[in-house]
Protein backbone atom coordinates (compact mmCIF):
# COMPACT_ATOMS: atom_id res chain seq x y z
CA MET A 1 19.66 22.65 34.33
CA LEU A 2 18.32 19.45 32.62
CA GLN A 3 14.97 21.19 31.56
CA GLU A 4 17.05 24.59 30.30
CA ILE A 5 18.98 22.40 28.15
CA ILE A 6 16.38 20.38 26.51
CA GLU A 7 14.61 23.73 26.02
CA SER A 8 17.52 25.39 24.56
CA ALA A 9 17.87 22.38 21.54
CA THR A 10 15.53 24.14 19.46
CA VAL A 11 15.15 22.79 15.85
CA PRO A 12 14.02 25.05 12.81
CA ASP A 13 10.18 24.14 11.60
CA PRO A 14 10.71 22.28 8.49
CA MET A 15 7.72 24.07 6.55
CA VAL A 16 9.85 27.30 7.12
CA CYS A 17 12.13 26.69 4.44
CA PRO A 18 13.17 27.37 1.04
CA PRO A 19 11.20 26.09 -1.44
CA LEU A 20 12.85 22.93 -3.33
CA ARG A 21 11.62 21.18 -6.63
CA TRP A 22 12.82 17.28 -5.85
CA GLY A 23 12.89 14.46 -8.04
CA ILE A 24 12.10 10.99 -6.35
CA LEU A 25 14.25 8.31 -7.91
CA GLY A 26 12.48 4.93 -7.69
CA PRO A 27 9.03 4.77 -6.45
CA GLY A 28 9.23 2.20 -3.88
CA GLY A 29 8.29 1.87 -0.45
CA ILE A 30 10.51 4.59 1.04
CA ALA A 31 9.67 6.58 -1.42
CA ARG A 32 6.03 6.37 -0.37
CA THR A 33 6.93 7.94 3.27
CA PHE A 34 9.39 10.49 1.39
CA ALA A 35 6.61 11.81 -0.80
CA THR A 36 4.12 12.05 2.18
CA ALA A 37 6.57 13.93 4.43
CA VAL A 38 7.29 16.59 1.42
CA ARG A 39 3.82 17.75 2.13
CA ALA A 40 4.98 18.82 5.97
CA THR A 41 7.80 21.18 4.51
CA GLY A 42 8.56 24.13 2.26
CA THR A 43 9.39 21.77 -0.63
CA SER A 44 7.66 20.25 -3.61
CA VAL A 45 7.99 16.92 -5.27
CA ALA A 46 8.09 18.05 -8.94
CA ALA A 47 8.85 14.83 -10.80
CA VAL A 48 9.34 11.04 -10.36
CA GLY A 49 11.30 8.48 -12.10
CA SER A 50 11.40 4.98 -12.54
CA ARG A 51 12.70 2.57 -15.36
CA SER A 52 8.94 1.51 -15.60
CA GLN A 53 6.59 4.48 -17.21
CA GLU A 54 3.58 3.08 -16.00
CA LYS A 55 4.83 2.68 -12.25
CA ALA A 56 5.85 6.23 -12.21
CA GLN A 57 2.57 7.52 -13.53
CA GLN A 58 0.67 5.61 -11.15
CA PHE A 59 3.03 6.85 -8.27
CA ALA A 60 2.55 10.61 -9.75
CA GLN A 61 -1.17 9.94 -9.83
CA GLU A 62 -1.43 8.78 -6.12
CA PHE A 63 0.91 11.83 -4.82
CA GLY A 64 -0.04 14.56 -7.15
CA ILE A 65 3.18 14.63 -8.78
CA PRO A 66 3.29 17.10 -12.32
CA GLN A 67 5.93 14.75 -14.27
CA ALA A 68 6.54 10.86 -14.28
CA CYS A 69 9.51 9.92 -16.06
CA GLY A 70 10.05 6.58 -17.54
CA SER A 71 13.93 5.96 -17.07
CA TYR A 72 16.38 7.83 -14.03
CA GLU A 73 18.60 9.59 -17.11
CA GLU A 74 15.17 11.30 -18.01
CA LEU A 75 14.59 12.50 -14.09
CA VAL A 76 17.79 13.81 -13.32
CA GLY A 77 18.07 15.69 -16.77
CA ARG A 78 14.79 17.68 -15.78
CA ALA A 79 15.43 21.63 -15.39
CA ASP A 80 12.08 21.50 -13.46
CA VAL A 81 14.33 19.19 -10.52
CA ASP A 82 16.16 20.85 -8.11
CA ALA A 83 17.43 17.92 -6.33
CA ILE A 84 17.17 13.99 -6.46
CA TYR A 85 15.92 11.78 -3.70
CA ILE A 86 17.39 8.32 -4.43
CA ALA A 87 15.33 5.47 -2.97
CA THR A 88 16.09 2.48 -4.87
CA PRO A 89 17.87 -0.80 -3.05
CA HIS A 90 21.07 -0.21 -1.53
CA SER A 91 22.79 -2.25 -4.50
CA GLU A 92 21.94 0.53 -7.01
CA HIS A 93 22.80 3.44 -4.92
CA HIS A 94 25.96 4.14 -6.29
CA ALA A 95 25.16 4.16 -9.90
CA ASN A 96 22.19 6.05 -9.03
CA ALA A 97 23.98 8.82 -7.26
CA LEU A 98 26.59 9.10 -9.66
CA LEU A 99 24.03 9.65 -12.50
CA ALA A 100 22.13 12.54 -10.56
CA ILE A 101 25.79 14.01 -9.87
CA GLY A 102 26.76 14.00 -13.09
CA ALA A 103 23.95 15.58 -14.33
CA GLY A 104 24.70 18.47 -11.93
CA LYS A 105 22.05 17.57 -9.36
CA PRO A 106 22.12 17.62 -5.52
CA VAL A 107 21.44 14.14 -3.64
CA LEU A 108 20.07 13.20 -0.76
CA ILE A 109 20.66 8.97 -1.15
CA GLU A 110 18.16 6.91 1.28
CA LYS A 111 20.32 4.92 4.31
CA ALA A 112 22.38 2.79 4.06
CA PHE A 113 24.24 5.23 1.55
CA ALA A 114 25.60 2.82 -0.51
CA ARG A 115 26.60 -0.94 -0.14
CA SER A 116 30.27 -0.42 0.95
CA VAL A 117 32.81 2.27 2.33
CA SER A 118 34.39 2.49 -1.13
CA GLU A 119 31.42 3.14 -2.69
CA ALA A 120 30.44 5.67 -0.49
CA ARG A 121 33.98 7.38 -0.72
CA GLU A 122 33.53 7.56 -4.95
CA ILE A 123 30.17 9.32 -4.11
CA VAL A 124 31.19 11.61 -1.54
CA ASP A 125 34.52 12.43 -4.35
CA ALA A 126 32.32 12.75 -7.04
CA ALA A 127 29.66 15.05 -5.45
CA ALA A 128 33.07 17.41 -4.22
CA GLU A 129 34.50 17.48 -7.51
CA ALA A 130 31.01 18.21 -9.21
CA GLY A 131 30.24 20.75 -6.57
CA VAL A 132 27.01 19.47 -5.48
CA PHE A 133 25.27 18.76 -2.51
CA ALA A 134 25.30 15.42 -1.07
CA MET A 135 23.33 13.53 2.21
CA GLU A 136 22.81 10.47 3.37
CA ALA A 137 19.32 9.81 4.47
CA MET A 138 19.57 9.26 7.83
CA TRP A 139 16.31 11.24 9.05
CA SER A 140 16.19 10.39 12.63
CA ARG A 141 19.94 12.56 13.13
CA PHE A 142 17.62 15.45 12.77
CA LEU A 143 14.93 14.75 14.60
CA PRO A 144 14.33 17.16 17.97
CA HIS A 145 14.56 14.50 20.46
CA MET A 146 18.11 13.68 19.09
CA VAL A 147 19.04 17.04 18.82
CA ALA A 148 18.15 17.40 22.42
CA ALA A 149 19.88 14.54 23.65
CA ARG A 150 23.20 15.26 21.94
CA LYS A 151 23.27 18.51 23.21
CA LEU A 152 22.79 17.08 26.85
CA VAL A 153 25.46 14.94 26.15
CA ALA A 154 27.61 17.78 24.87
CA GLU A 155 26.99 19.89 27.72
CA GLY A 156 27.99 17.21 29.91
CA ALA A 157 24.42 16.83 32.03
CA ILE A 158 24.80 13.09 32.55
CA GLY A 159 28.80 13.31 32.82
CA THR A 160 31.38 11.50 30.50
CA VAL A 161 29.41 9.25 28.29
CA ASN A 162 30.77 5.48 29.67
CA TYR A 163 28.01 3.26 27.72
CA VAL A 164 25.90 3.01 24.95
CA SER A 165 23.53 0.10 24.01
CA ALA A 166 20.76 0.64 20.85
CA ASP A 167 18.85 -2.20 19.08
CA HIS A 168 16.60 -2.44 15.99
CA CYS A 169 15.02 -5.24 15.17
CA GLN A 170 11.98 -6.41 12.91
CA THR A 171 10.28 -9.50 11.62
CA VAL A 172 10.95 -8.27 7.67
CA SER A 173 12.48 -11.69 6.78
CA HIS A 174 9.46 -12.01 4.24
CA VAL A 175 10.50 -8.81 2.28
CA PRO A 176 11.98 -10.11 -0.77
CA ARG A 177 14.75 -7.53 -1.52
CA LEU A 178 15.99 -8.70 2.19
CA ALA A 179 16.63 -12.03 1.08
CA GLN A 180 18.69 -11.40 -1.96
CA LEU A 181 22.29 -10.71 -1.58
CA ASP A 182 22.77 -9.20 -5.04
CA LEU A 183 20.53 -6.16 -4.12
CA ALA A 184 22.52 -6.02 -0.94
CA GLY A 185 19.87 -7.57 1.55
CA GLY A 186 20.29 -8.50 5.06
CA ALA A 187 19.47 -6.68 8.41
CA LEU A 188 22.37 -4.58 8.66
CA LEU A 189 22.12 -2.21 5.75
CA ASP A 190 18.15 -1.52 6.46
CA LEU A 191 17.87 -1.86 10.42
CA GLY A 192 21.36 -2.22 11.81
CA VAL A 193 22.25 1.34 10.62
CA TYR A 194 19.89 2.90 12.85
CA PRO A 195 21.95 1.80 15.78
CA ILE A 196 25.40 1.80 14.52
CA SER A 197 24.77 5.62 13.14
CA PHE A 198 22.95 6.47 16.80
CA ILE A 199 26.20 5.12 18.74
CA HIS A 200 28.70 6.84 16.28
CA SER A 201 26.51 10.59 16.79
CA LEU A 202 27.73 10.27 20.34
CA LEU A 203 30.76 8.45 20.41
CA GLY A 204 32.45 8.47 16.85
CA VAL A 205 34.53 5.70 15.28
CA PRO A 206 35.55 2.98 17.90
CA GLU A 207 39.12 1.46 18.58
CA ALA A 208 37.86 -1.75 17.91
CA ILE A 209 34.61 -3.93 16.80
CA SER A 210 33.48 -7.34 17.53
CA ALA A 211 30.57 -8.79 15.76
CA THR A 212 28.70 -12.11 15.88
CA GLY A 213 25.62 -12.88 14.38
CA SER A 214 23.89 -15.33 11.79
CA LEU A 215 22.91 -15.53 8.25
CA SER A 216 20.03 -16.37 6.41
CA PRO A 217 20.17 -19.25 3.67
CA GLU A 218 21.13 -16.92 1.13
CA GLY A 219 23.94 -15.60 2.58
CA CYS A 220 22.57 -12.60 3.85
CA ASP A 221 22.98 -11.26 7.41
CA ALA A 222 19.96 -12.08 9.89
CA SER A 223 20.68 -10.92 12.88
CA SER A 224 23.80 -9.54 14.67
CA ALA A 225 25.40 -8.01 17.90
CA THR A 226 28.07 -5.67 17.75
CA ALA A 227 30.47 -4.56 20.42
CA LEU A 228 32.11 -1.11 19.69
CA THR A 229 35.02 -0.57 22.20
CA TYR A 230 36.13 3.15 22.68
CA PRO A 231 38.83 4.76 25.09
CA GLY A 232 36.71 4.69 28.24
CA ALA A 233 33.38 3.48 26.59
CA LEU A 234 32.02 0.36 25.58
CA ALA A 235 28.88 0.41 22.81
CA VAL A 236 26.77 -2.68 22.04
CA ALA A 237 24.48 -2.24 18.81
CA SER A 238 21.87 -5.24 17.92
CA THR A 239 19.80 -5.77 15.34
CA SER A 240 17.68 -8.50 13.06
CA MET A 241 15.00 -9.13 10.89
CA MET A 242 13.96 -12.38 12.25
CA THR A 243 12.33 -10.92 15.37
CA ARG A 244 10.97 -7.93 16.77
CA SER A 245 12.35 -5.93 19.71
CA PRO A 246 11.25 -2.60 21.44
CA THR A 247 13.88 -0.82 19.60
CA ARG A 248 15.35 1.06 22.59
CA ALA A 249 18.25 3.25 23.22
CA TRP A 250 20.32 3.99 26.39
CA ILE A 251 22.99 6.34 26.95
CA GLY A 252 24.98 6.17 30.25
CA GLY A 253 27.36 8.61 31.81
CA THR A 254 29.46 9.05 35.08
CA GLU A 255 26.76 11.14 36.49
CA GLY A 256 23.25 9.96 34.83
CA TYR A 257 21.67 8.64 32.15
CA ILE A 258 19.34 9.28 29.00
CA ASP A 259 16.58 6.13 28.22
CA PHE A 260 14.96 6.35 24.97
CA GLY A 261 11.31 4.98 24.87
CA PRO A 262 10.26 2.13 22.13
CA GLN A 263 11.24 3.28 18.71
CA PHE A 264 14.37 5.42 19.88
CA TYR A 265 15.07 6.13 15.85
CA ARG A 266 11.53 7.93 15.93
CA ASP A 267 10.13 11.08 18.02
CA SER A 268 10.25 8.45 20.92
CA GLY A 269 10.92 11.45 23.52
CA PHE A 270 13.16 10.42 26.50
CA GLU A 271 13.85 10.41 29.98
CA VAL A 272 16.85 11.72 31.41
CA VAL A 273 17.87 10.84 35.09
CA ARG A 274 21.05 12.44 37.08
CA HIS A 275 22.62 10.51 40.03
CA ASP A 276 21.65 13.27 42.11
CA GLY A 277 18.20 12.99 41.35
CA GLU A 278 17.30 15.64 39.08
CA ARG A 279 14.95 14.60 36.07
CA ALA A 280 13.54 15.94 32.81
CA ARG A 281 11.70 14.33 30.27
CA PHE A 282 11.60 15.01 26.20
CA ALA A 283 8.09 14.36 25.20
CA PRO A 284 7.42 13.43 21.48
CA THR A 285 6.23 16.38 19.33
CA LEU A 286 6.42 15.38 15.49
CA ARG A 287 3.86 16.75 13.63
CA ALA A 288 4.04 14.15 10.79
CA GLY A 289 6.31 10.82 10.52
CA GLY A 290 9.72 12.69 10.75
CA PHE A 291 11.39 12.51 7.25
CA GLU A 292 10.29 16.29 7.10
CA TYR A 293 13.18 17.68 9.32
CA GLU A 294 16.07 16.12 6.75
CA ILE A 295 13.99 17.19 3.71
CA ALA A 296 14.12 20.73 5.20
CA GLU A 297 17.54 20.21 5.97
CA VAL A 298 18.80 19.70 2.49
CA SER A 299 16.20 23.01 1.24
CA ARG A 300 18.46 25.09 3.66
CA CYS A 301 21.82 23.58 2.55
CA ILE A 302 21.46 24.17 -0.66
CA SER A 303 19.85 27.70 -0.72
CA SER A 304 22.71 28.69 1.20
CA GLY A 305 25.34 26.97 -1.11
CA GLN A 306 26.60 24.41 1.13
CA CYS A 307 27.82 20.99 -0.44
CA GLU A 308 27.12 19.07 3.03
CA SER A 309 25.16 19.07 6.00
CA VAL A 310 26.94 20.57 9.00
CA THR A 311 24.70 18.53 11.36
CA PHE A 312 25.07 15.15 9.56
CA PRO A 313 28.42 15.71 7.47
CA LEU A 314 29.46 13.10 4.87
CA ARG A 315 32.41 12.31 6.98
CA ASP A 316 30.10 10.59 9.37
CA THR A 317 28.55 8.70 6.70
CA VAL A 318 32.00 7.22 5.32
CA GLU A 319 32.51 6.48 9.06
CA VAL A 320 29.68 4.32 9.70
CA MET A 321 30.06 2.68 6.19
CA GLN A 322 33.53 1.70 7.55
CA MET A 323 32.30 0.42 10.70
CA MET A 324 29.48 -1.97 8.69
CA ASP A 325 32.02 -2.99 6.49
CA GLU A 326 33.60 -4.42 9.10
CA VAL A 327 30.71 -6.03 10.71
CA ARG A 328 30.44 -7.62 7.57
CA ARG A 329 33.73 -8.91 7.43
CA GLN A 330 33.30 -10.44 10.49
CA LEU A 331 30.26 -12.26 9.96
CA ALA A 332 31.70 -12.95 6.36
CA VAL A 333 28.83 -11.30 4.33
CA CYS A 334 29.88 -10.07 0.85
CA TYR A 335 28.23 -8.64 -2.08
CA PRO A 336 28.24 -10.13 -5.63
CA GLY A 337 31.10 -7.66 -7.62
CA GLU A 338 32.10 -6.01 -4.54
CA ASN A 339 35.58 -5.13 -3.96
CA GLY A 340 37.28 -7.04 -1.70
CA ALA A 341 34.62 -9.73 -1.59
CA GLY A 342 35.91 -12.42 0.38
CA ASP A 343 39.19 -11.94 0.88
CA GLY A 344 39.06 -9.67 4.08
CA SER A 345 40.48 -6.83 2.05
CA ARG A 346 38.04 -4.11 3.30
CA THR A 347 39.63 -1.65 5.19
CA ARG A 348 39.65 -2.64 9.00
CA LEU A 349 39.11 0.21 11.99
């Protein structure tokens, strides 16, 4: 039974998708990963935009991109760009997304979607009003092993899920932007979003959240452990930018469990074991780095006239942002200029 369910969880080939001409807004490190992944899909990058013409030109030359734009306004205004990938720091996602949406461009916004749930809702509302596609670039939701694991859970292969754990810790405290509160630095939005989004994909919004952690000297969240309480289930998410962990995940049910390998958010594969002794494995399958699956999803959605992904709807993004807002509230982490910063007025779950 287990192997049959796994084999039935098919994922479309990212090379077989409608053509789409991307514009990359912000030629940083994550944009390099995106530009590389595009080559493993049926889409292409038509232009890259930066506030520096020189940086845009350097990026364009490296990746063979036809056009380099010296401003974000120029990029989103180009007629030869079908969709915008936003790869700027978290603090800029809200403004950059609204700029692109205002120009009538669909957007794929790097995770975390925004700084806060209020910003996320403004982006979602703007996209709905403009009638354009929007999605958070939580690429792991589209990976074959994640699709297979969710199908195993949905079909009751391990019974009723009653415990989930996931961690994502990396030694990245030396990265300058992660130490800057004005850039929405810290571990949570960069790393912690992975385990929290993973748990949400299985259990949804919790009844209660209890978070503890430590702060950097600048006031950014350095490490945190979060317990999420559900009816009949408990989940634990941990993250840190001060140490490295195996980045594993585990889903426990009344009739079995799913054990992910290291780097669960990548194509790690997993083993599923039932208490009656039946077991099966999902071996890693990716040809490339993984971003290509979300890239192809956006192409298919836009081509079919959808304004959001069925696999990863905007409601999921907003709910995850709300969960992370509550974690930050309990850790007393507020970003400069944030609505309700420091007064506990962010929406509680």
